[in-house]
Amino acid sequence: MNRRGSGVLLHITSLPSAYGIGDLGPAAHRFVDLLAGAGQRYWQILPLNPTCPAFGNSPYQSTSAFAGNTWLISPEQMAGDGLLAPEDIGNPPGFPE
């Protein structure tokens, strides 16, 4: 039973975030809702492995094939789940408009 479907290729780090890099927090949840509302069935992402400056921060030359990149953990989501206090997060850095 083959069902056709369309989708989007977008790496998680391309999502908006106050911290300068997209993560698996509220923006990812909103993006999934947006895709579903638009009738999309698939969200293709690129590798989520930890990166290393020695390898040009390429997810295709990771130091581990099994670990996830800690940059993708959402501080906002952790605070929302009670795993961090708001003061543990601090203020997001300022970025140019």
N, C-alpha and C. Protein backbone atom coordinates (compact mmCIF):
# COMPACT_ATOMS: atom_id res chain seq x y z
N MET A 1 0.85 -1.17 0.00
CA MET A 1 0.00 0.00 0.00
C MET A 1 0.89 1.24 0.00
N ASN A 2 1.12 1.79 -1.15
CA ASN A 2 1.94 2.99 -1.28
C ASN A 2 1.06 4.22 -1.30
N ARG A 3 1.34 5.12 -0.38
CA ARG A 3 0.64 6.41 -0.36
C ARG A 3 1.64 7.50 -0.70
N ARG A 4 1.27 8.32 -1.61
CA ARG A 4 2.13 9.45 -1.94
C ARG A 4 1.93 10.54 -0.91
N GLY A 5 2.97 11.30 -0.73
CA GLY A 5 2.87 12.42 0.18
C GLY A 5 3.96 13.43 -0.12
N SER A 6 3.73 14.64 0.27
CA SER A 6 4.73 15.68 0.06
C SER A 6 5.24 16.14 1.41
N GLY A 7 6.36 16.82 1.37
CA GLY A 7 6.95 17.29 2.61
C GLY A 7 7.96 18.38 2.37
N VAL A 8 8.74 18.65 3.40
CA VAL A 8 9.69 19.75 3.40
C VAL A 8 11.02 19.25 3.96
N LEU A 9 12.12 19.71 3.38
CA LEU A 9 13.44 19.46 3.93
C LEU A 9 13.89 20.74 4.62
N LEU A 10 14.04 20.67 5.93
CA LEU A 10 14.48 21.83 6.70
C LEU A 10 15.21 21.33 7.94
N HIS A 11 16.46 21.72 8.09
CA HIS A 11 17.19 21.30 9.28
C HIS A 11 16.66 22.04 10.50
N ILE A 12 16.67 21.38 11.62
CA ILE A 12 16.14 21.95 12.86
C ILE A 12 16.85 23.25 13.21
N THR A 13 18.13 23.34 12.93
CA THR A 13 18.87 24.56 13.26
C THR A 13 18.42 25.77 12.45
N SER A 14 17.63 25.55 11.39
CA SER A 14 17.12 26.66 10.58
C SER A 14 15.85 27.28 11.15
N LEU A 15 15.29 26.68 12.18
CA LEU A 15 14.10 27.24 12.81
C LEU A 15 14.46 28.49 13.60
N PRO A 16 13.53 29.41 13.80
CA PRO A 16 13.84 30.62 14.57
C PRO A 16 14.02 30.31 16.05
N SER A 17 14.90 31.06 16.67
CA SER A 17 15.15 30.90 18.11
C SER A 17 15.81 32.16 18.64
N ALA A 18 15.51 32.48 19.86
CA ALA A 18 16.15 33.63 20.51
C ALA A 18 17.62 33.37 20.80
N TYR A 19 18.04 32.10 20.70
CA TYR A 19 19.40 31.73 21.06
C TYR A 19 20.33 31.59 19.85
N GLY A 20 19.85 31.93 18.67
CA GLY A 20 20.71 31.96 17.50
C GLY A 20 20.76 30.67 16.70
N ILE A 21 20.17 29.60 17.20
CA ILE A 21 20.14 28.33 16.49
C ILE A 21 18.83 27.64 16.82
N GLY A 22 18.17 27.10 15.81
CA GLY A 22 16.91 26.41 16.05
C GLY A 22 17.12 25.16 16.89
N ASP A 23 16.10 24.79 17.65
CA ASP A 23 16.19 23.61 18.51
C ASP A 23 14.86 22.86 18.50
N LEU A 24 14.75 21.85 19.32
CA LEU A 24 13.55 21.01 19.36
C LEU A 24 12.52 21.54 20.34
N GLY A 25 12.43 22.85 20.47
CA GLY A 25 11.50 23.48 21.40
C GLY A 25 10.22 23.94 20.74
N PRO A 26 9.66 25.03 21.25
CA PRO A 26 8.36 25.52 20.78
C PRO A 26 8.31 25.81 19.27
N ALA A 27 9.37 26.32 18.70
CA ALA A 27 9.36 26.62 17.25
C ALA A 27 9.22 25.33 16.44
N ALA A 28 9.84 24.25 16.88
CA ALA A 28 9.71 22.97 16.17
C ALA A 28 8.28 22.45 16.26
N HIS A 29 7.66 22.61 17.41
CA HIS A 29 6.27 22.18 17.58
C HIS A 29 5.34 23.01 16.67
N ARG A 30 5.58 24.32 16.61
CA ARG A 30 4.76 25.17 15.74
C ARG A 30 4.96 24.81 14.26
N PHE A 31 6.20 24.47 13.90
CA PHE A 31 6.49 24.11 12.52
C PHE A 31 5.77 22.82 12.13
N VAL A 32 5.75 21.85 13.02
CA VAL A 32 5.03 20.60 12.75
C VAL A 32 3.54 20.88 12.57
N ASP A 33 2.99 21.73 13.42
CA ASP A 33 1.57 22.09 13.28
C ASP A 33 1.32 22.80 11.94
N LEU A 34 2.24 23.68 11.54
CA LEU A 34 2.12 24.37 10.26
C LEU A 34 2.15 23.38 9.09
N LEU A 35 3.07 22.42 9.15
CA LEU A 35 3.15 21.42 8.09
C LEU A 35 1.86 20.61 8.01
N ALA A 36 1.36 20.18 9.15
CA ALA A 36 0.12 19.40 9.18
C ALA A 36 -1.04 20.21 8.62
N GLY A 37 -1.12 21.48 9.01
CA GLY A 37 -2.19 22.34 8.52
C GLY A 37 -2.12 22.58 7.02
N ALA A 38 -0.91 22.50 6.46
CA ALA A 38 -0.73 22.70 5.02
C ALA A 38 -0.86 21.39 4.24
N GLY A 39 -1.17 20.31 4.94
CA GLY A 39 -1.35 19.03 4.27
C GLY A 39 -0.05 18.30 3.96
N GLN A 40 1.05 18.73 4.54
CA GLN A 40 2.33 18.06 4.33
C GLN A 40 2.39 16.82 5.23
N ARG A 41 3.00 15.75 4.72
CA ARG A 41 3.07 14.51 5.49
C ARG A 41 4.46 14.23 6.04
N TYR A 42 5.49 14.88 5.49
CA TYR A 42 6.86 14.54 5.87
C TYR A 42 7.66 15.78 6.20
N TRP A 43 8.49 15.66 7.22
CA TRP A 43 9.49 16.67 7.54
C TRP A 43 10.82 15.94 7.50
N GLN A 44 11.60 16.17 6.46
CA GLN A 44 12.91 15.54 6.35
C GLN A 44 13.93 16.46 7.01
N ILE A 45 14.74 15.88 7.84
CA ILE A 45 15.79 16.63 8.52
C ILE A 45 17.14 16.03 8.15
N LEU A 46 18.18 16.78 8.34
CA LEU A 46 19.53 16.31 8.10
C LEU A 46 20.06 15.68 9.39
N PRO A 47 21.25 15.08 9.37
CA PRO A 47 21.75 14.41 10.57
C PRO A 47 21.76 15.32 11.80
N LEU A 48 21.50 14.71 12.95
CA LEU A 48 21.43 15.44 14.22
C LEU A 48 22.59 15.09 15.14
N ASN A 49 23.64 14.53 14.56
CA ASN A 49 24.80 14.11 15.34
C ASN A 49 25.53 15.32 15.92
N PRO A 50 26.32 15.09 16.98
CA PRO A 50 27.18 16.17 17.46
C PRO A 50 28.24 16.49 16.41
N THR A 51 28.61 17.75 16.34
CA THR A 51 29.61 18.17 15.37
C THR A 51 30.90 18.53 16.08
N CYS A 52 31.96 18.62 15.30
CA CYS A 52 33.29 18.90 15.86
C CYS A 52 33.99 19.91 14.96
N PRO A 53 34.56 20.99 15.54
CA PRO A 53 35.26 21.98 14.72
C PRO A 53 36.39 21.37 13.89
N ALA A 54 37.02 20.31 14.39
CA ALA A 54 38.12 19.68 13.65
C ALA A 54 37.65 19.11 12.32
N PHE A 55 36.36 18.79 12.23
CA PHE A 55 35.79 18.25 11.00
C PHE A 55 34.91 19.28 10.30
N GLY A 56 35.12 20.55 10.58
CA GLY A 56 34.35 21.61 9.94
C GLY A 56 32.91 21.68 10.39
N ASN A 57 32.62 21.15 11.58
CA ASN A 57 31.26 21.12 12.13
C ASN A 57 30.26 20.44 11.19
N SER A 58 30.74 19.48 10.42
CA SER A 58 29.87 18.75 9.50
C SER A 58 29.16 17.62 10.23
N PRO A 59 27.83 17.54 10.14
CA PRO A 59 27.12 16.43 10.77
C PRO A 59 27.40 15.10 10.06
N TYR A 60 28.03 15.15 8.89
CA TYR A 60 28.35 13.93 8.17
C TYR A 60 29.70 13.35 8.59
N GLN A 61 30.47 14.08 9.39
CA GLN A 61 31.72 13.59 9.95
C GLN A 61 31.68 13.84 11.45
N SER A 62 30.81 13.13 12.11
CA SER A 62 30.58 13.33 13.53
C SER A 62 31.52 12.46 14.36
N THR A 63 31.67 12.84 15.60
CA THR A 63 32.45 12.04 16.54
C THR A 63 31.67 10.84 17.05
N SER A 64 30.37 10.80 16.79
CA SER A 64 29.53 9.68 17.23
C SER A 64 28.39 9.47 16.24
N ALA A 65 28.11 8.22 15.95
CA ALA A 65 26.98 7.89 15.09
C ALA A 65 25.70 7.71 15.90
N PHE A 66 25.81 7.73 17.22
CA PHE A 66 24.68 7.40 18.08
C PHE A 66 24.20 8.57 18.95
N ALA A 67 25.07 9.53 19.21
CA ALA A 67 24.71 10.64 20.10
C ALA A 67 23.97 11.73 19.32
N GLY A 68 23.20 12.52 20.05
CA GLY A 68 22.53 13.67 19.48
C GLY A 68 23.29 14.94 19.81
N ASN A 69 23.08 15.97 19.03
CA ASN A 69 23.74 17.25 19.24
C ASN A 69 23.06 18.00 20.38
N THR A 70 23.80 18.34 21.40
CA THR A 70 23.23 19.02 22.57
C THR A 70 22.75 20.43 22.24
N TRP A 71 23.21 21.00 21.12
CA TRP A 71 22.73 22.32 20.72
C TRP A 71 21.25 22.31 20.38
N LEU A 72 20.69 21.13 20.13
CA LEU A 72 19.29 21.03 19.73
C LEU A 72 18.34 20.90 20.91
N ILE A 73 18.88 20.87 22.12
CA ILE A 73 18.05 20.82 23.32
C ILE A 73 17.55 22.23 23.60
N SER A 74 16.26 22.37 23.78
CA SER A 74 15.65 23.69 23.96
C SER A 74 15.67 24.12 25.43
N PRO A 75 16.36 25.23 25.75
CA PRO A 75 16.31 25.74 27.12
C PRO A 75 14.88 26.13 27.52
N GLU A 76 14.12 26.69 26.58
CA GLU A 76 12.74 27.09 26.88
C GLU A 76 11.88 25.87 27.22
N GLN A 77 12.06 24.79 26.47
CA GLN A 77 11.29 23.57 26.72
C GLN A 77 11.68 22.96 28.07
N MET A 78 12.97 22.99 28.39
CA MET A 78 13.41 22.44 29.67
C MET A 78 12.84 23.25 30.83
N ALA A 79 12.78 24.58 30.67
CA ALA A 79 12.18 25.41 31.71
C ALA A 79 10.69 25.14 31.81
N GLY A 80 10.03 24.97 30.67
CA GLY A 80 8.61 24.68 30.66
C GLY A 80 8.28 23.34 31.30
N ASP A 81 9.21 22.39 31.21
CA ASP A 81 9.02 21.07 31.81
C ASP A 81 9.48 21.03 33.27
N GLY A 82 9.96 22.16 33.79
CA GLY A 82 10.40 22.22 35.18
C GLY A 82 11.79 21.65 35.41
N LEU A 83 12.56 21.41 34.34
CA LEU A 83 13.90 20.86 34.49
C LEU A 83 14.94 21.95 34.71
N LEU A 84 14.60 23.18 34.35
CA LEU A 84 15.45 24.34 34.59
C LEU A 84 14.59 25.45 35.17
N ALA A 85 15.19 26.25 36.03
CA ALA A 85 14.51 27.45 36.52
C ALA A 85 14.77 28.57 35.51
N PRO A 86 13.84 29.52 35.38
CA PRO A 86 14.06 30.62 34.42
C PRO A 86 15.39 31.33 34.62
N GLU A 87 15.84 31.46 35.86
CA GLU A 87 17.13 32.14 36.08
C GLU A 87 18.31 31.29 35.62
N ASP A 88 18.11 29.99 35.42
CA ASP A 88 19.18 29.14 34.90
C ASP A 88 19.45 29.44 33.42
N ILE A 89 18.45 29.92 32.73
CA ILE A 89 18.58 30.17 31.30
C ILE A 89 19.29 31.48 31.03
N GLY A 90 19.00 32.49 31.80
CA GLY A 90 19.59 33.80 31.56
C GLY A 90 18.90 34.49 30.40
N ASN A 91 19.49 35.55 29.94
CA ASN A 91 18.93 36.32 28.82
C ASN A 91 19.54 35.86 27.51
N PRO A 92 18.73 35.71 26.48
CA PRO A 92 19.29 35.36 25.17
C PRO A 92 20.21 36.48 24.69
N PRO A 93 21.24 36.14 23.92
CA PRO A 93 22.13 37.17 23.39
C PRO A 93 21.40 38.06 22.40
N GLY A 94 21.88 39.27 22.24
CA GLY A 94 21.31 40.17 21.25
C GLY A 94 21.91 39.88 19.88
N PHE A 95 21.08 39.86 18.86
CA PHE A 95 21.54 39.63 17.50
C PHE A 95 21.12 40.82 16.65
N PRO A 96 21.91 41.16 15.63
CA PRO A 96 21.52 42.26 14.76
C PRO A 96 20.25 41.92 13.99
N GLU A 97 19.48 42.93 13.73
CA GLU A 97 18.21 42.73 12.99
C GLU A 97 18.49 42.48 11.53
